[in-house]
Structure formats: C-alpha cells, structure tokens
Amino acid sequence: MPIEVTPAEARALVTESSGIIVDVREKWELEVCSIVGARHIPLQDVPRNLDQVPTDRPVIINCHHGMRSMQAVRWLRDQGYDNVTNLQGGIDLWSQEIDGSIARY
C-alpha cells in the first residue's frame, strides 16, 4: 500500500477493495463536513482505538489537508499496520475532486 493516495485512488479503494475511510479530525470539524461513511477517530484517540482500524482491508486516513492524517498513518505503520494510507489533500481536496457538495473550510 502506498503511503499516500489521491482522492480518486482512495475512492477506488473504498468501492473496489472494501476499503474504509478513517477521519482523524476533531468533532467540530465533522460538524462542518464529512465524507459519507467515514469512521471518526480523533487523532489523539487513535492509539486507544486500534480495534476500530481493520487490518484485513485498505484503510484511508483523512483530515482537513493531509497533515494530521499523515501523522496517524506513520504511527499506525510503526505499529505494523501496512494497510493504511493517507488521503492526499485531505477532505479539502476530496471536496474539490470527488464530491463538490462537501463544504470547504
């Protein structure tokens, strides 16, 4: 699994490979917008919620622009999760390239 994927590649992983999206943004950010079906685990809660991160399918980690999610990806990979990848550009780029109905902030 590459360390980072484009929004189009992430969408393909979800639709073709039963991948899931894990959103590591804060709750207030989810109230602004979110990707339909994404699982919410705030960045600081990732270590306590490893049971919510599957190991048997692709996991795309997203945040606002891709910085916090990359932190999560690197930490998860250090824990042995080789099936995780970062959503390049975060939900902001997803909104621009995949789903224009998602609010930008």
C-alpha atoms as a PDB file:
ATOM      1  CA  MET A   1       0.000   0.000   0.000  1.00  0.00           C
ATOM      2  CA  PRO A   2       1.475   3.400  -0.908  1.00  0.00           C
ATOM      3  CA  ILE A   3       1.891   5.860   1.948  1.00  0.00           C
ATOM      4  CA  GLU A   4      -0.447   8.327   0.218  1.00  0.00           C
ATOM      5  CA  VAL A   5      -3.205   8.121  -2.398  1.00  0.00           C
ATOM      6  CA  THR A   6      -5.099  10.691  -4.428  1.00  0.00           C
ATOM      7  CA  PRO A   7      -8.810  11.200  -3.816  1.00  0.00           C
ATOM      8  CA  ALA A   8      -9.612   9.191  -6.961  1.00  0.00           C
ATOM      9  CA  GLU A   9      -7.387   6.327  -5.819  1.00  0.00           C
ATOM     10  CA  ALA A  10      -8.989   6.459  -2.351  1.00  0.00           C
ATOM     11  CA  ARG A  11     -12.479   6.273  -3.844  1.00  0.00           C
ATOM     12  CA  ALA A  12     -11.409   3.227  -5.886  1.00  0.00           C
ATOM     13  CA  LEU A  13     -10.014   1.532  -2.756  1.00  0.00           C
ATOM     14  CA  VAL A  14     -13.344   2.073  -0.995  1.00  0.00           C
ATOM     15  CA  THR A  15     -15.561   0.960  -3.877  1.00  0.00           C
ATOM     16  CA  GLU A  16     -13.426  -1.837  -5.343  1.00  0.00           C
ATOM     17  CA  SER A  17     -11.498  -3.211  -2.356  1.00  0.00           C
ATOM     18  CA  SER A  18     -13.896  -2.754   0.588  1.00  0.00           C
ATOM     19  CA  GLY A  19     -11.630  -0.063   1.972  1.00  0.00           C
ATOM     20  CA  ILE A  20     -12.727   2.252   4.742  1.00  0.00           C
ATOM     21  CA  ILE A  21     -12.016   5.881   5.487  1.00  0.00           C
ATOM     22  CA  VAL A  22     -10.992   6.916   8.992  1.00  0.00           C
ATOM     23  CA  ASP A  23     -11.358  10.622   9.720  1.00  0.00           C
ATOM     24  CA  VAL A  24      -8.939  11.884  12.385  1.00  0.00           C
ATOM     25  CA  ARG A  25     -10.295  15.441  12.580  1.00  0.00           C
ATOM     26  CA  GLU A  26     -11.915  16.958  15.660  1.00  0.00           C
ATOM     27  CA  LYS A  27     -15.650  16.639  16.329  1.00  0.00           C
ATOM     28  CA  TRP A  28     -16.311  20.297  15.488  1.00  0.00           C
ATOM     29  CA  GLU A  29     -14.753  19.723  12.055  1.00  0.00           C
ATOM     30  CA  LEU A  30     -17.104  16.824  11.389  1.00  0.00           C
ATOM     31  CA  GLU A  31     -19.990  19.150  12.150  1.00  0.00           C
ATOM     32  CA  VAL A  32     -18.807  21.307   9.227  1.00  0.00           C
ATOM     33  CA  CYS A  33     -18.453  18.429   6.756  1.00  0.00           C
ATOM     34  CA  SER A  34     -17.504  14.787   6.395  1.00  0.00           C
ATOM     35  CA  ILE A  35     -17.130  12.032   3.823  1.00  0.00           C
ATOM     36  CA  VAL A  36     -20.179   9.793   3.856  1.00  0.00           C
ATOM     37  CA  GLY A  37     -19.435   6.519   5.620  1.00  0.00           C
ATOM     38  CA  ALA A  38     -16.136   7.648   7.167  1.00  0.00           C
ATOM     39  CA  ARG A  39     -15.348   6.332  10.640  1.00  0.00           C
ATOM     40  CA  HIS A  40     -14.407   9.058  13.137  1.00  0.00           C
ATOM     41  CA  ILE A  41     -11.410   8.561  15.417  1.00  0.00           C
ATOM     42  CA  PRO A  42      -9.830  11.867  16.506  1.00  0.00           C
ATOM     43  CA  LEU A  43      -6.050  11.836  16.068  1.00  0.00           C
ATOM     44  CA  GLN A  44      -5.303  11.802  19.805  1.00  0.00           C
ATOM     45  CA  ASP A  45      -7.658   8.815  20.248  1.00  0.00           C
ATOM     46  CA  VAL A  46      -6.101   6.584  17.571  1.00  0.00           C
ATOM     47  CA  PRO A  47      -3.797   4.703  19.997  1.00  0.00           C
ATOM     48  CA  ARG A  48      -6.764   3.815  22.237  1.00  0.00           C
ATOM     49  CA  ASN A  49      -8.957   2.712  19.331  1.00  0.00           C
ATOM     50  CA  LEU A  50      -6.809   0.311  17.351  1.00  0.00           C
ATOM     51  CA  ASP A  51      -9.675  -2.187  17.466  1.00  0.00           C
ATOM     52  CA  GLN A  52     -11.553   0.157  15.083  1.00  0.00           C
ATOM     53  CA  VAL A  53      -8.767   0.065  12.494  1.00  0.00           C
ATOM     54  CA  PRO A  54      -9.089  -3.139  10.468  1.00  0.00           C
ATOM     55  CA  THR A  55      -6.000  -4.989   9.289  1.00  0.00           C
ATOM     56  CA  ASP A  56      -7.676  -7.049   6.575  1.00  0.00           C
ATOM     57  CA  ARG A  57      -8.593  -4.302   4.091  1.00  0.00           C
ATOM     58  CA  PRO A  58      -7.366  -0.887   2.926  1.00  0.00           C
ATOM     59  CA  VAL A  59      -7.730   1.971   5.415  1.00  0.00           C
ATOM     60  CA  ILE A  60      -7.574   5.525   4.107  1.00  0.00           C
ATOM     61  CA  ILE A  61      -6.854   8.102   6.815  1.00  0.00           C
ATOM     62  CA  ASN A  62      -8.123  11.634   6.240  1.00  0.00           C
ATOM     63  CA  CYS A  63      -8.084  15.022   7.923  1.00  0.00           C
ATOM     64  CA  HIS A  64      -8.517  18.574   6.627  1.00  0.00           C
ATOM     65  CA  HIS A  65      -5.465  18.897   4.356  1.00  0.00           C
ATOM     66  CA  GLY A  66      -3.492  15.688   4.974  1.00  0.00           C
ATOM     67  CA  MET A  67      -1.015  16.646   7.697  1.00  0.00           C
ATOM     68  CA  ARG A  68      -2.645  15.118  10.796  1.00  0.00           C
ATOM     69  CA  SER A  69      -3.712  12.079   8.822  1.00  0.00           C
ATOM     70  CA  MET A  70      -0.118  11.532   7.692  1.00  0.00           C
ATOM     71  CA  GLN A  71       0.921  11.573  11.369  1.00  0.00           C
ATOM     72  CA  ALA A  72      -1.667   8.858  12.022  1.00  0.00           C
ATOM     73  CA  VAL A  73      -0.525   6.830   9.021  1.00  0.00           C
ATOM     74  CA  ARG A  74       3.118   6.950  10.072  1.00  0.00           C
ATOM     75  CA  TRP A  75       2.246   5.982  13.666  1.00  0.00           C
ATOM     76  CA  LEU A  76      -0.018   3.136  12.545  1.00  0.00           C
ATOM     77  CA  ARG A  77       2.646   1.844  10.171  1.00  0.00           C
ATOM     78  CA  ASP A  78       5.122   1.863  13.056  1.00  0.00           C
ATOM     79  CA  GLN A  79       2.623  -0.368  14.886  1.00  0.00           C
ATOM     80  CA  GLY A  80       2.595  -2.834  11.967  1.00  0.00           C
ATOM     81  CA  TYR A  81      -0.422  -1.593  10.008  1.00  0.00           C
ATOM     82  CA  ASP A  82       0.833  -1.856   6.436  1.00  0.00           C
ATOM     83  CA  ASN A  83      -2.685  -1.475   5.021  1.00  0.00           C
ATOM     84  CA  VAL A  84      -3.086   2.224   5.917  1.00  0.00           C
ATOM     85  CA  THR A  85      -2.600   5.165   3.578  1.00  0.00           C
ATOM     86  CA  ASN A  86      -3.023   8.922   3.701  1.00  0.00           C
ATOM     87  CA  LEU A  87      -5.639  10.814   1.689  1.00  0.00           C
ATOM     88  CA  GLN A  88      -3.594  13.369  -0.227  1.00  0.00           C
ATOM     89  CA  GLY A  89      -5.005  16.862   0.307  1.00  0.00           C
ATOM     90  CA  GLY A  90      -7.493  15.625   2.896  1.00  0.00           C
ATOM     91  CA  ILE A  91     -11.196  16.307   2.796  1.00  0.00           C
ATOM     92  CA  ASP A  92     -10.475  19.664   1.174  1.00  0.00           C
ATOM     93  CA  LEU A  93      -9.098  18.043  -1.999  1.00  0.00           C
ATOM     94  CA  TRP A  94     -11.779  15.319  -1.816  1.00  0.00           C
ATOM     95  CA  SER A  95     -14.384  18.103  -1.928  1.00  0.00           C
ATOM     96  CA  GLN A  96     -12.723  19.637  -4.978  1.00  0.00           C
ATOM     97  CA  GLU A  97     -12.168  16.411  -6.927  1.00  0.00           C
ATOM     98  CA  ILE A  98     -14.781  13.878  -5.780  1.00  0.00           C
ATOM     99  CA  ASP A  99     -17.771  15.448  -4.018  1.00  0.00           C
ATOM    100  CA  GLY A 100     -18.412  19.151  -4.511  1.00  0.00           C
ATOM    101  CA  SER A 101     -21.322  19.031  -2.057  1.00  0.00           C
ATOM    102  CA  ILE A 102     -18.836  18.734   0.828  1.00  0.00           C
ATOM    103  CA  ALA A 103     -18.310  22.138   2.423  1.00  0.00           C
ATOM    104  CA  ARG A 104     -14.825  23.600   2.376  1.00  0.00           C
ATOM    105  CA  TYR A 105     -13.429  25.476   5.343  1.00  0.00           C
END
